[in-house]
Amino acid sequence: MTSHERSLIQHTGWTFFPIAFIARLPFAMMVVGVLTLVVSQTGSVGLGGLTSAGVGVGVVIAGPVIGDAVDRFGQRRVLVPLGVVNGILLGLFPFVVAGGSAAPLVLVLAAAIGLSAPQAAAMSRSRLMSIVRARLSVDRRPRTLSRVMSYESAADETAFVIGPFLVGILAAAIAPWAPIAIAAALSLVFVTAFALHPSGRIAGTSLPPGETPERAPISDVLRGRVLVLVGGTFGVGLFFGASLTSLTAFAQTAGEGVEAGLLYGLMGIGSAVLALAVALLPTRFALRHRWLVFATVLSLAAAGYAASDALGAVVVMLLLMGLGVGPTLVTLFSIAGQRSPAGRSATTMTLLGSALTLAQALASAATGAIAEAGEVRLAMLLPTFAALLVLVLGAVNVGIERRERLSSPATVPVGGQPQRSLVTR
């Protein structure tokens, strides 16, 4: 069996996937973890929201820089020191907060945590994309990349659910500092293990015969065809943050032992299952159309969620929202995998991941402030606005692809048939 005939998992080894999944948990726990700790120690929801947003701001500032460094120097050289630094900062955070430090110091440390976040999810996508392109035959790449994006988005969905859930469980069972301490240990151990995994050497080895290494200028990442995807993932992040926070406020008003984390898990489980199922969709169901269809489902379900008063209705709408948000996220990252400029896959993926995290933090802070002011119904309406933003950007994307098709007609190779651009698929 030649290298190009082997499956992706034969190239990566089965240990890659559990290590990569656990390595993304600290990232999923940071935003909610610092919020929980600060609020419990200071009693200030406002400071907690600012601290959470500080982590998000740090992530979005550092994300593209980390991605560019990885594209230049490889994942090992960048992720190993980041994992160590991030683990140390997370370990220090509970001591700083518990010691009664001034708010500016808490905010600076939160921003530093975000700046050093390794973003294992984006790195996992980038690494798998590189292996697929370097080691799999051309005819197997499209289907394998689709499956990779489906799995990665499902893993993200699961992490986004498990992360806040772990924060709640650990804070209740042990102490509010426990989630951050666990996140620090996971960052030190599993981010380092991910960085040093043998699959990193495969992704960084020579390209297939006939392909030469190249790296597009950073300006190519900042073009509209990529930025519309950044905007789409930002909208999904707003949806996640607004949903979790408004659901928490609803659970508090509903009483009777209603647990927001468990309710949020309903949406996450359905979302993860549908994210995996996207790989089974026919290729003729174009990505641009998937974005519109699933964003429409998301918007309608979010509107139903905003109009729900009873717990049963909220549960139904959460399940329906899961049917929309998972496939939408898969579609966004699948398009990003196609559009990432040459040699800029890590930069592109970290940019999308940073937008997702920043939006989640900002939406959590804003929605929490609205709910704290007594406007729970208004807080429950915010996920609808986020879903509509995703839908509108999906329509913008259709316009971008139409313009690209008109400006880049199919070319006919010598002795061959016309070749379609990726934007037509």
Protein backbone atom coordinates (compact mmCIF):
# COMPACT_ATOMS: atom_id res chain seq x y z
CA MET A 1 0.00 0.00 0.00
CA THR A 2 1.46 3.36 -1.04
CA SER A 3 1.37 6.47 1.12
CA HIS A 4 -1.41 7.98 -1.00
CA GLU A 5 -3.58 4.85 -0.57
CA ARG A 6 -3.48 4.89 3.23
CA SER A 7 -6.37 6.43 5.20
CA LEU A 8 -6.04 9.65 7.14
CA ILE A 9 -6.10 7.87 10.49
CA GLN A 10 -3.30 5.57 9.32
CA HIS A 11 -1.20 8.67 8.73
CA THR A 12 -2.09 10.39 12.03
CA GLY A 13 -2.37 7.38 14.32
CA TRP A 14 -5.44 6.79 16.51
CA THR A 15 -3.95 8.67 19.50
CA PHE A 16 -4.07 11.98 17.65
CA PHE A 17 -7.82 12.47 17.93
CA PRO A 18 -8.32 12.03 21.72
CA ILE A 19 -5.22 14.13 22.43
CA ALA A 20 -6.39 16.88 20.07
CA PHE A 21 -9.87 16.84 21.62
CA ILE A 22 -8.67 17.14 25.22
CA ALA A 23 -6.16 19.81 24.17
CA ARG A 24 -9.04 22.07 23.09
CA LEU A 25 -10.87 21.85 26.44
CA PRO A 26 -8.78 24.55 28.21
CA PHE A 27 -9.71 26.94 25.42
CA ALA A 28 -13.40 26.04 25.85
CA MET A 29 -13.21 26.48 29.64
CA MET A 30 -11.35 29.81 29.78
CA VAL A 31 -14.12 32.29 29.04
CA VAL A 32 -16.70 30.74 31.37
CA GLY A 33 -14.10 29.73 33.95
CA VAL A 34 -12.70 33.21 34.57
CA LEU A 35 -16.25 34.60 34.64
CA THR A 36 -17.32 32.07 37.28
CA LEU A 37 -14.25 32.61 39.44
CA VAL A 38 -14.32 36.41 39.38
CA VAL A 39 -18.05 36.61 40.10
CA SER A 40 -17.77 34.13 42.98
CA GLN A 41 -14.81 35.94 44.54
CA THR A 42 -15.86 39.55 44.01
CA GLY A 43 -19.63 39.34 43.69
CA SER A 44 -19.42 41.65 40.68
CA VAL A 45 -21.07 40.37 37.54
CA GLY A 46 -19.83 43.47 35.74
CA LEU A 47 -16.17 42.76 36.53
CA GLY A 48 -16.73 39.11 35.67
CA GLY A 49 -18.11 40.07 32.28
CA LEU A 50 -15.20 42.43 31.62
CA THR A 51 -12.71 39.74 32.62
CA SER A 52 -14.39 37.24 30.30
CA ALA A 53 -14.31 39.78 27.49
CA GLY A 54 -10.62 40.44 28.28
CA VAL A 55 -9.83 36.80 27.56
CA GLY A 56 -11.73 37.06 24.27
CA VAL A 57 -9.93 40.23 23.25
CA GLY A 58 -6.57 38.59 23.96
CA VAL A 59 -7.54 35.59 21.84
CA VAL A 60 -8.62 37.65 18.86
CA ILE A 61 -5.48 39.81 18.95
CA ALA A 62 -3.09 36.88 19.23
CA GLY A 63 -4.94 34.41 16.99
CA PRO A 64 -3.79 35.66 13.58
CA VAL A 65 -0.27 36.28 14.92
CA ILE A 66 -0.05 32.72 16.26
CA GLY A 67 -1.43 31.37 13.00
CA ASP A 68 1.13 33.29 10.97
CA ALA A 69 3.95 32.06 13.23
CA VAL A 70 2.76 28.46 12.83
CA ASP A 71 2.62 28.81 9.06
CA ARG A 72 6.21 30.09 9.12
CA PHE A 73 7.88 27.97 11.82
CA GLY A 74 5.62 24.95 12.32
CA GLN A 75 3.27 23.97 15.14
CA ARG A 76 5.85 22.44 17.47
CA ARG A 77 8.02 25.53 17.81
CA VAL A 78 4.99 27.70 18.56
CA LEU A 79 2.60 25.49 20.54
CA VAL A 80 5.04 24.04 23.08
CA PRO A 81 6.00 27.41 24.64
CA LEU A 82 2.42 28.66 24.33
CA GLY A 83 1.04 25.64 26.18
CA VAL A 84 3.55 26.12 29.01
CA VAL A 85 2.98 29.87 29.31
CA ASN A 86 -0.80 29.55 29.12
CA GLY A 87 -0.80 26.81 31.77
CA ILE A 88 1.29 28.94 34.13
CA LEU A 89 -0.93 32.01 33.65
CA LEU A 90 -4.08 29.97 34.24
CA GLY A 91 -2.50 28.53 37.39
CA LEU A 92 -1.69 32.02 38.69
CA PHE A 93 -5.14 33.48 37.99
CA PRO A 94 -6.98 32.01 41.04
CA PHE A 95 -4.25 33.31 43.37
CA VAL A 96 -4.45 36.81 41.88
CA VAL A 97 -8.23 36.93 42.16
CA ALA A 98 -8.39 35.37 45.63
CA GLY A 99 -5.67 37.74 46.85
CA GLY A 100 -7.96 40.72 46.32
CA SER A 101 -5.86 42.23 43.54
CA ALA A 102 -7.00 45.42 41.89
CA ALA A 103 -9.37 45.07 38.94
CA PRO A 104 -6.82 46.36 36.37
CA LEU A 105 -4.38 43.59 37.32
CA VAL A 106 -7.12 40.96 37.01
CA LEU A 107 -8.06 42.31 33.59
CA VAL A 108 -4.44 42.39 32.39
CA LEU A 109 -3.89 38.78 33.49
CA ALA A 110 -7.13 37.73 31.76
CA ALA A 111 -5.97 39.38 28.55
CA ALA A 112 -2.60 37.61 28.88
CA ILE A 113 -4.40 34.28 29.22
CA GLY A 114 -6.23 35.03 25.98
CA LEU A 115 -3.05 36.17 24.24
CA SER A 116 -1.29 32.90 25.10
CA ALA A 117 -4.23 30.61 24.26
CA PRO A 118 -2.84 27.82 22.02
CA GLN A 119 -6.08 27.40 20.01
CA ALA A 120 -5.70 23.65 19.55
CA ALA A 121 -8.93 23.40 17.54
CA ALA A 122 -7.64 25.64 14.76
CA MET A 123 -4.28 23.87 14.83
CA SER A 124 -5.93 20.47 14.59
CA ARG A 125 -7.88 21.56 11.52
CA SER A 126 -4.78 23.03 9.93
CA ARG A 127 -2.69 19.93 10.66
CA LEU A 128 -5.27 17.53 9.25
CA MET A 129 -5.73 19.69 6.16
CA SER A 130 -1.98 19.67 5.57
CA ILE A 131 -1.80 15.88 5.93
CA VAL A 132 -4.73 15.37 3.56
CA ARG A 133 -3.15 17.62 0.94
CA ALA A 134 0.33 16.13 1.37
CA ARG A 135 -0.41 12.42 1.75
CA LEU A 136 -3.75 11.61 0.10
CA SER A 137 -4.37 11.28 -3.61
CA VAL A 138 -6.11 14.17 -5.36
CA ASP A 139 -9.34 12.24 -5.99
CA ARG A 140 -9.69 11.38 -2.27
CA ARG A 141 -9.04 14.87 -0.90
CA PRO A 142 -12.48 16.56 -1.28
CA ARG A 143 -14.45 13.83 0.51
CA THR A 144 -11.80 13.43 3.22
CA LEU A 145 -11.62 17.18 3.82
CA SER A 146 -15.42 17.27 4.15
CA ARG A 147 -15.27 14.51 6.75
CA VAL A 148 -12.42 16.26 8.57
CA MET A 149 -14.39 19.50 8.82
CA SER A 150 -17.48 17.62 9.99
CA TYR A 151 -15.53 15.83 12.70
CA GLU A 152 -13.66 18.96 13.79
CA SER A 153 -16.86 21.02 14.05
CA ALA A 154 -18.57 18.22 15.99
CA ALA A 155 -15.55 18.13 18.31
CA ASP A 156 -15.81 21.89 18.74
CA GLU A 157 -19.51 21.64 19.50
CA THR A 158 -18.85 18.94 22.08
CA ALA A 159 -16.02 20.95 23.64
CA PHE A 160 -18.18 24.08 23.77
CA VAL A 161 -20.78 22.06 25.67
CA ILE A 162 -18.41 20.05 27.89
CA GLY A 163 -16.26 23.11 28.71
CA PRO A 164 -18.97 25.20 30.43
CA PHE A 165 -20.50 22.02 31.87
CA LEU A 166 -17.16 21.05 33.47
CA VAL A 167 -16.77 24.55 34.83
CA GLY A 168 -20.16 24.33 36.53
CA ILE A 169 -19.62 20.82 37.88
CA LEU A 170 -16.10 21.48 39.20
CA ALA A 171 -17.04 24.84 40.71
CA ALA A 172 -20.01 23.30 42.51
CA ALA A 173 -18.30 20.07 43.59
CA ILE A 174 -14.91 21.47 44.60
CA ALA A 175 -14.51 25.26 44.49
CA PRO A 176 -14.75 28.13 41.96
CA TRP A 177 -10.97 27.98 41.43
CA ALA A 178 -11.04 24.30 40.43
CA PRO A 179 -12.07 24.74 36.77
CA ILE A 180 -9.19 27.14 36.12
CA ALA A 181 -6.73 24.84 37.90
CA ILE A 182 -7.88 21.87 35.81
CA ALA A 183 -7.67 23.97 32.64
CA ALA A 184 -4.08 24.92 33.57
CA ALA A 185 -3.11 21.26 33.97
CA LEU A 186 -4.79 20.28 30.70
CA SER A 187 -2.99 23.08 28.88
CA LEU A 188 0.40 22.07 30.26
CA VAL A 189 -0.02 18.36 29.54
CA PHE A 190 -2.28 17.92 26.53
CA VAL A 191 -1.40 21.01 24.49
CA THR A 192 2.24 19.96 24.80
CA ALA A 193 1.33 16.37 23.85
CA PHE A 194 -0.59 17.66 20.85
CA ALA A 195 2.30 19.85 19.75
CA LEU A 196 4.80 16.98 20.01
CA HIS A 197 2.56 14.35 18.42
CA PRO A 198 4.23 12.58 15.44
CA SER A 199 1.47 13.81 13.12
CA GLY A 200 3.06 17.24 13.36
CA ARG A 201 6.12 15.95 11.53
CA ILE A 202 3.93 14.49 8.78
CA ALA A 203 2.12 17.79 8.25
CA GLY A 204 5.43 19.59 7.97
CA THR A 205 7.11 17.21 5.55
CA SER A 206 7.52 17.64 1.82
CA LEU A 207 4.58 18.20 -0.46
CA PRO A 208 3.43 15.63 -3.02
CA PRO A 209 5.42 15.31 -6.26
CA GLY A 210 4.82 18.22 -8.60
CA GLU A 211 3.76 20.61 -5.82
CA THR A 212 6.12 23.31 -4.59
CA PRO A 213 5.81 25.10 -1.25
CA GLU A 214 4.52 28.63 -1.35
CA ARG A 215 3.08 31.12 1.11
CA ALA A 216 0.58 33.73 0.04
CA PRO A 217 0.89 37.27 1.44
CA ILE A 218 -1.12 38.02 4.57
CA SER A 219 -3.24 40.43 2.53
CA ASP A 220 -4.84 37.42 0.82
CA VAL A 221 -6.26 36.35 4.17
CA LEU A 222 -7.85 39.78 4.60
CA ARG A 223 -9.83 39.66 1.37
CA GLY A 224 -13.63 39.70 1.38
CA ARG A 225 -13.94 36.03 0.44
CA VAL A 226 -12.22 35.09 3.72
CA LEU A 227 -13.50 37.93 5.91
CA VAL A 228 -17.12 36.97 5.18
CA LEU A 229 -16.33 33.61 6.79
CA VAL A 230 -14.77 35.38 9.77
CA GLY A 231 -17.98 37.38 10.06
CA GLY A 232 -20.05 34.21 9.87
CA THR A 233 -18.11 32.51 12.66
CA PHE A 234 -18.35 35.74 14.68
CA GLY A 235 -22.12 35.51 14.32
CA VAL A 236 -22.08 31.88 15.48
CA GLY A 237 -19.97 32.93 18.48
CA LEU A 238 -22.51 35.63 19.31
CA PHE A 239 -25.19 32.97 19.11
CA PHE A 240 -23.33 30.64 21.48
CA GLY A 241 -22.65 33.36 24.05
CA ALA A 242 -26.14 34.84 23.95
CA SER A 243 -27.78 31.41 24.09
CA LEU A 244 -25.85 30.12 27.10
CA THR A 245 -26.18 33.34 29.09
CA SER A 246 -29.86 33.93 28.32
CA LEU A 247 -30.57 30.29 29.07
CA THR A 248 -28.86 30.71 32.46
CA ALA A 249 -31.12 33.69 33.19
CA PHE A 250 -34.19 31.72 32.09
CA ALA A 251 -33.19 28.82 34.35
CA GLN A 252 -32.90 31.18 37.31
CA THR A 253 -36.38 32.56 36.72
CA ALA A 254 -37.86 29.11 36.09
CA GLY A 255 -36.51 27.72 39.36
CA GLU A 256 -37.51 24.22 40.41
CA GLY A 257 -33.98 22.90 39.96
CA VAL A 258 -33.73 23.79 36.29
CA GLU A 259 -30.05 23.46 35.29
CA ALA A 260 -28.92 25.71 32.44
CA GLY A 261 -25.88 23.55 31.68
CA LEU A 262 -28.05 20.49 31.10
CA LEU A 263 -30.46 22.44 28.88
CA TYR A 264 -27.56 23.87 26.88
CA GLY A 265 -26.26 20.33 26.52
CA LEU A 266 -29.44 19.39 24.63
CA MET A 267 -28.60 21.89 21.93
CA GLY A 268 -24.95 20.86 21.91
CA ILE A 269 -25.62 17.15 21.56
CA GLY A 270 -28.01 17.64 18.65
CA SER A 271 -25.62 20.11 17.09
CA ALA A 272 -22.66 17.70 17.32
CA VAL A 273 -24.66 14.82 15.80
CA LEU A 274 -25.84 16.97 12.87
CA ALA A 275 -22.31 18.32 12.40
CA LEU A 276 -21.07 14.77 11.87
CA ALA A 277 -24.00 14.02 9.55
CA VAL A 278 -23.00 16.85 7.21
CA ALA A 279 -20.32 14.57 5.77
CA LEU A 280 -23.14 12.40 4.36
CA LEU A 281 -24.72 15.23 2.38
CA PRO A 282 -24.34 14.97 -1.41
CA THR A 283 -21.70 17.17 -3.00
CA ARG A 284 -24.34 18.69 -5.29
CA PHE A 285 -25.76 20.37 -2.16
CA ALA A 286 -23.31 23.27 -2.54
CA LEU A 287 -21.67 24.76 0.54
CA ARG A 288 -23.07 28.22 -0.18
CA HIS A 289 -26.59 26.76 -0.19
CA ARG A 290 -25.97 24.78 2.99
CA TRP A 291 -24.98 28.00 4.73
CA LEU A 292 -28.27 29.63 3.76
CA VAL A 293 -30.45 26.61 4.57
CA PHE A 294 -28.99 25.83 7.99
CA ALA A 295 -28.76 29.51 8.98
CA THR A 296 -32.48 29.81 8.13
CA VAL A 297 -33.23 26.83 10.40
CA LEU A 298 -31.13 28.47 13.10
CA SER A 299 -32.93 31.81 12.76
CA LEU A 300 -36.42 30.31 12.88
CA ALA A 301 -35.57 28.14 15.89
CA ALA A 302 -33.97 31.10 17.69
CA ALA A 303 -37.11 33.16 17.09
CA GLY A 304 -39.15 30.31 18.58
CA TYR A 305 -36.80 30.19 21.56
CA ALA A 306 -37.27 33.93 22.14
CA ALA A 307 -41.06 33.49 22.10
CA SER A 308 -41.05 30.51 24.49
CA ASP A 309 -42.36 30.87 28.04
CA ALA A 310 -42.65 27.25 29.15
CA LEU A 311 -39.74 24.93 29.86
CA GLY A 312 -41.04 22.34 27.40
CA ALA A 313 -41.13 24.85 24.56
CA VAL A 314 -37.61 26.02 25.37
CA VAL A 315 -36.34 22.42 25.25
CA VAL A 316 -37.92 21.86 21.82
CA MET A 317 -36.43 25.07 20.44
CA LEU A 318 -32.99 24.24 21.84
CA LEU A 319 -33.08 20.94 19.98
CA LEU A 320 -34.10 22.72 16.78
CA MET A 321 -31.37 25.33 17.22
CA GLY A 322 -28.87 22.49 17.48
CA LEU A 323 -30.05 21.23 14.09
CA GLY A 324 -29.07 24.57 12.59
CA VAL A 325 -25.92 25.72 14.36
CA GLY A 326 -23.82 22.54 14.02
CA PRO A 327 -24.12 22.19 10.22
CA THR A 328 -23.65 25.96 9.83
CA LEU A 329 -20.34 25.84 11.68
CA VAL A 330 -19.19 22.83 9.65
CA THR A 331 -20.05 24.65 6.44
CA LEU A 332 -18.15 27.79 7.44
CA PHE A 333 -14.97 25.87 8.24
CA SER A 334 -15.35 23.72 5.12
CA ILE A 335 -15.46 26.82 2.93
CA ALA A 336 -12.52 28.24 4.88
CA GLY A 337 -10.57 25.06 4.13
CA GLN A 338 -11.13 25.63 0.43
CA ARG A 339 -10.43 29.35 0.46
CA SER A 340 -7.42 29.49 2.77
CA PRO A 341 -4.57 31.02 0.72
CA ALA A 342 -1.55 28.87 -0.05
CA GLY A 343 0.54 28.27 3.07
CA ARG A 344 -1.94 30.19 5.22
CA SER A 345 -4.21 27.45 6.56
CA ALA A 346 -3.20 27.98 10.21
CA THR A 347 -3.61 31.75 9.88
CA THR A 348 -7.07 31.33 8.37
CA MET A 349 -8.27 28.78 10.93
CA THR A 350 -6.99 30.76 13.92
CA LEU A 351 -8.67 33.88 12.56
CA LEU A 352 -12.01 32.07 12.44
CA GLY A 353 -11.44 30.51 15.85
CA SER A 354 -10.52 33.88 17.35
CA ALA A 355 -13.67 35.48 15.96
CA LEU A 356 -15.76 32.68 17.47
CA THR A 357 -14.22 33.07 20.92
CA LEU A 358 -14.29 36.87 20.99
CA ALA A 359 -17.93 36.93 19.94
CA GLN A 360 -18.86 34.39 22.59
CA ALA A 361 -17.17 36.46 25.29
CA LEU A 362 -18.72 39.76 24.17
CA ALA A 363 -22.18 38.24 23.81
CA SER A 364 -21.93 36.60 27.23
CA ALA A 365 -21.03 39.91 28.85
CA ALA A 366 -23.72 41.93 27.03
CA THR A 367 -26.45 39.34 27.50
CA GLY A 368 -25.56 38.95 31.17
CA ALA A 369 -25.82 42.70 31.72
CA ILE A 370 -29.23 42.81 30.04
CA ALA A 371 -30.50 39.83 32.04
CA GLU A 372 -29.15 41.27 35.29
CA ALA A 373 -31.14 44.43 34.60
CA GLY A 374 -34.29 42.29 34.66
CA GLU A 375 -34.79 42.02 30.89
CA VAL A 376 -34.74 38.23 30.56
CA ARG A 377 -37.10 38.25 27.58
CA LEU A 378 -34.84 40.71 25.77
CA ALA A 379 -31.83 38.54 26.61
CA MET A 380 -33.59 35.54 25.04
CA LEU A 381 -34.12 37.57 21.86
CA LEU A 382 -30.41 38.19 21.30
CA PRO A 383 -29.67 34.72 19.83
CA THR A 384 -32.18 35.57 17.08
CA PHE A 385 -30.24 38.67 16.08
CA ALA A 386 -27.03 36.63 16.02
CA ALA A 387 -28.65 33.96 13.83
CA LEU A 388 -29.98 36.60 11.44
CA LEU A 389 -26.47 38.04 11.13
CA VAL A 390 -25.20 34.60 10.09
CA LEU A 391 -28.02 34.33 7.54
CA VAL A 392 -27.34 37.78 6.07
CA LEU A 393 -23.64 37.01 5.71
CA GLY A 394 -24.60 33.75 3.99
CA ALA A 395 -26.43 35.83 1.38
CA VAL A 396 -23.38 38.09 1.08
CA ASN A 397 -21.26 35.00 0.50
CA VAL A 398 -23.52 33.92 -2.36
CA GLY A 399 -22.95 37.31 -3.96
CA ILE A 400 -19.18 36.98 -3.54
CA GLU A 401 -19.16 33.54 -5.15
CA ARG A 402 -21.33 34.73 -8.04
CA ARG A 403 -18.97 37.63 -8.66
CA GLU A 404 -15.97 35.27 -8.57
CA ARG A 405 -17.57 32.90 -11.06
CA LEU A 406 -18.29 35.75 -13.46
CA SER A 407 -14.78 37.17 -13.17
CA SER A 408 -13.02 33.77 -13.33
CA PRO A 409 -14.54 31.71 -16.15
CA ALA A 410 -13.67 28.03 -16.38
CA THR A 411 -10.44 27.28 -18.17
CA VAL A 412 -10.01 24.46 -20.64
CA PRO A 413 -6.72 22.58 -20.34
CA VAL A 414 -5.07 21.23 -23.46
CA GLY A 415 -6.87 18.04 -24.51
CA GLY A 416 -9.18 18.21 -21.48
CA GLN A 417 -12.58 19.32 -20.23
CA PRO A 418 -13.44 22.65 -18.59
CA GLN A 419 -12.42 22.74 -14.95
CA ARG A 420 -14.74 24.19 -12.36
CA SER A 421 -13.54 26.52 -9.67
CA LEU A 422 -14.02 25.49 -6.06
CA VAL A 423 -16.56 28.25 -5.63
CA THR A 424 -18.94 26.45 -7.97
CA ARG A 425 -18.96 23.26 -5.93
